[in-house]
Amino acid sequence: MRLHRTIWFITGTVVLLAALVLLTRKAGESGSESQHQDIEAMTEGLKADPYANRPDTKSAIAAAADLAVRGVLITPETSYALGLISMEAKQFAEAESAFRNAIALKPEWSWPYNALGILLANYTKDRAREAEEAYRTAIRFDPSAARPYNDLAILLRLNGRFAEAEEAALNAIRLDPTGVATHNNYGNLLVAQRRLTEAEAQYRKAMELDPEHPKPFYNLACVCSLQNRKEEALTLLAKAVARNPALREDAQRDPDFATLRDDPQFQKLIRP
């Protein structure tokens, strides 16, 4: 089986490199100013919105990915965008190929390493070690970026490596003190260690930074439920669901809400 994978990888690499040569030649002939503007819009959008939550950032990514799909312009940026689009579409093999292509084209660019880490950690089985290596490579190439530290902290937390996760999470907060994700995810780490008072402070900080972000409200509702603060938990959960109705489904199976499970108000909140 390992030999077959090696042969497949070598064959695939040869085909990819051959295609890349042809497409790069085509890019040199057909790359236009507007196409380069699409790439610039995508990279600038992701600098301000690294998790692509905004519609304009998603549009910019789609425009850059389209250049790669049509073979018009193959660059590290368009390959990276294609990886993001493929991952969103749950085409995980295609996403991995695109991220690795971006890395091959620009080996010291941290973004595709981080995205590859997210893909390996969340959408593939038994590849946590590879994901960690990808995150740490992203950090090595851009130690000033909070995102790889934040994502590494999540991976380490999920694998029970709390001391290392805390170091990564605190680095993320140091680099991005106004980031909702950094404070929210540090709160999740603290909850995993049952440091609930400290976790509450992190969630409240995240809520202060972005009062419309649903996750800190949801997570603080979990903390209140764990502390048997039922009224506060219900109020916070209502606010979370109002901001993102999909959280009803999470709440239905979340063990943190065990103290509320039989409460009529809770049952009303989690019904579609």
Foldseek 3Di string as FASTA:
>chain_A
DVVVVVVVVVVVVVVVVVLVVVLQVLQVVQPDPVLVVLLVQQVVLCVVVVVPPDPSNLVSLVSLCVCVVVSNHDALSNLQSVLVVCVVVVVLVSNLVSLVSSCVRPVLALVSLQVNLVSQQPPHPPCLVSSLVSLVSSCVSPVLALSSLLVNLLSCLVVVVLVSSLVSLVSSCVSPVLDLSSLQSVLVSCVSVPVLVSSLVSLVSSCVSPVLALRSLQVNLLSCLQVVVNVSSLVSLLSSCVSPVVCLVVVQPDPSNVSCNPPPSNVVSSDD
